[in-house]
Amino acid sequence: DRVWTLGSNKCGQRGVGNYKNLTHPAIVKGNLSGKKVALIAAGDRFSVATTTANEVFSWGYRNHGRLGDGTVSDLANSARNSICSPQPIFSSLHYIPSLSSK
């Protein structure tokens, strides 16, 4: 299964492994490759997805706790402010009935 993405990529929120401005739809790459995505949500400069194996992945702008990776404030180094490919946040959760982002 593949997840297609479009829109801005300034903070890596498209999950294609880079921060390039793309003018066409592209497939999300990285840790989601080969996984069956069950739910996906897009927020302000970030994205979150769950798999049928109840794993949670996030990518994009990571400040203020958006990605669930423990980052809760602005980082001094702008290169560390975002992640351009899906990163696992949780795995083997019991059940994820819904997903949303803001």
Protein backbone atom coordinates (compact mmCIF):
# COMPACT_ATOMS: atom_id res chain seq x y z
CA ASP A 1 0.00 0.00 0.00
CA ARG A 2 1.12 3.53 -0.73
CA VAL A 3 0.29 6.89 0.79
CA TRP A 4 0.26 9.78 -1.64
CA THR A 5 0.96 13.30 -0.46
CA LEU A 6 0.74 16.80 -1.90
CA GLY A 7 1.02 20.42 -0.79
CA SER A 8 3.81 22.27 0.96
CA ASN A 9 6.97 20.42 1.99
CA LYS A 10 8.85 23.24 3.76
CA CYS A 11 9.00 21.27 7.02
CA GLY A 12 9.14 17.80 5.51
CA GLN A 13 5.44 17.24 6.18
CA ARG A 14 5.05 15.36 2.90
CA GLY A 15 7.27 12.55 4.21
CA VAL A 16 9.28 12.10 1.01
CA GLY A 17 12.73 12.20 2.62
CA ASN A 18 13.61 15.79 1.74
CA TYR A 19 12.45 19.40 2.09
CA LYS A 20 12.21 20.19 -1.62
CA ASN A 21 9.25 22.13 -2.98
CA LEU A 22 7.37 19.60 -5.10
CA THR A 23 4.73 20.56 -7.63
CA HIS A 24 3.22 17.09 -8.02
CA PRO A 25 1.83 14.30 -5.81
CA ALA A 26 4.48 11.98 -4.34
CA ILE A 27 4.58 8.77 -2.33
CA VAL A 28 5.44 8.91 1.38
CA LYS A 29 8.74 7.07 1.91
CA GLY A 30 10.84 5.76 4.76
CA ASN A 31 9.55 3.68 7.65
CA LEU A 32 6.01 3.48 6.21
CA SER A 33 7.21 1.63 3.11
CA GLY A 34 5.68 -1.82 2.95
CA LYS A 35 3.24 -1.15 5.82
CA LYS A 36 -0.55 -1.06 5.54
CA VAL A 37 -1.71 2.39 6.60
CA ALA A 38 -5.05 2.39 8.43
CA LEU A 39 -5.49 6.08 9.32
CA ILE A 40 -3.75 9.31 8.39
CA ALA A 41 -4.13 12.91 9.48
CA ALA A 42 -2.43 16.11 8.36
CA GLY A 43 -1.95 19.10 10.63
CA ASP A 44 -0.19 22.45 10.48
CA ARG A 45 3.15 21.43 8.90
CA PHE A 46 3.08 17.81 10.13
CA SER A 47 1.44 14.44 9.45
CA VAL A 48 0.56 11.39 11.54
CA ALA A 49 -0.37 7.87 10.38
CA THR A 50 -1.30 4.57 11.97
CA THR A 51 -0.84 1.11 10.49
CA THR A 52 -3.05 -1.97 10.63
CA ALA A 53 -0.46 -3.33 13.11
CA ASN A 54 -1.39 -0.40 15.43
CA GLU A 55 1.89 1.45 14.97
CA VAL A 56 1.95 5.27 14.99
CA PHE A 57 4.28 7.29 12.74
CA SER A 58 4.75 11.05 12.52
CA TRP A 59 6.80 13.48 10.45
CA GLY A 60 7.12 17.19 9.66
CA TYR A 61 7.46 20.18 12.01
CA ARG A 62 8.30 18.79 15.43
CA ASN A 63 8.12 21.74 17.82
CA HIS A 64 5.59 22.03 20.64
CA GLY A 65 4.97 18.28 20.90
CA ARG A 66 3.37 17.91 17.46
CA LEU A 67 5.14 14.67 16.57
CA GLY A 68 4.88 12.94 19.94
CA ASP A 69 8.64 12.52 20.12
CA GLY A 70 9.16 14.49 23.33
CA THR A 71 10.07 17.78 21.62
CA VAL A 72 7.97 20.44 23.33
CA SER A 73 9.72 23.74 22.53
CA ASP A 74 11.56 25.46 19.68
CA LEU A 75 14.93 23.93 18.95
CA ALA A 76 17.92 26.21 18.47
CA ASN A 77 19.11 24.43 15.34
CA SER A 78 16.51 24.80 12.58
CA ALA A 79 17.72 21.56 10.94
CA ARG A 80 16.44 19.74 14.04
CA ASN A 81 13.04 21.46 13.95
CA SER A 82 11.56 18.96 11.52
CA ILE A 83 11.74 15.38 10.26
CA CYS A 84 11.26 14.72 6.54
CA SER A 85 10.32 11.02 6.66
CA PRO A 86 7.97 8.99 8.89
CA GLN A 87 9.38 8.05 12.29
CA PRO A 88 7.82 5.46 14.62
CA ILE A 89 6.29 6.94 17.75
CA PHE A 90 4.37 3.99 19.21
CA SER A 91 4.20 0.36 18.21
CA SER A 92 1.98 -2.57 19.06
CA LEU A 93 -0.78 -0.53 20.65
CA HIS A 94 -3.97 -2.44 21.32
CA TYR A 95 -6.34 -0.55 19.03
CA ILE A 96 -6.49 2.92 17.47
CA PRO A 97 -10.11 3.75 16.60
CA SER A 98 -9.49 7.24 15.19
CA LEU A 99 -6.79 9.81 14.49
CA SER A 100 -6.88 13.58 14.19
CA SER A 101 -4.48 16.49 14.12
CA LYS A 102 -4.84 20.23 14.40
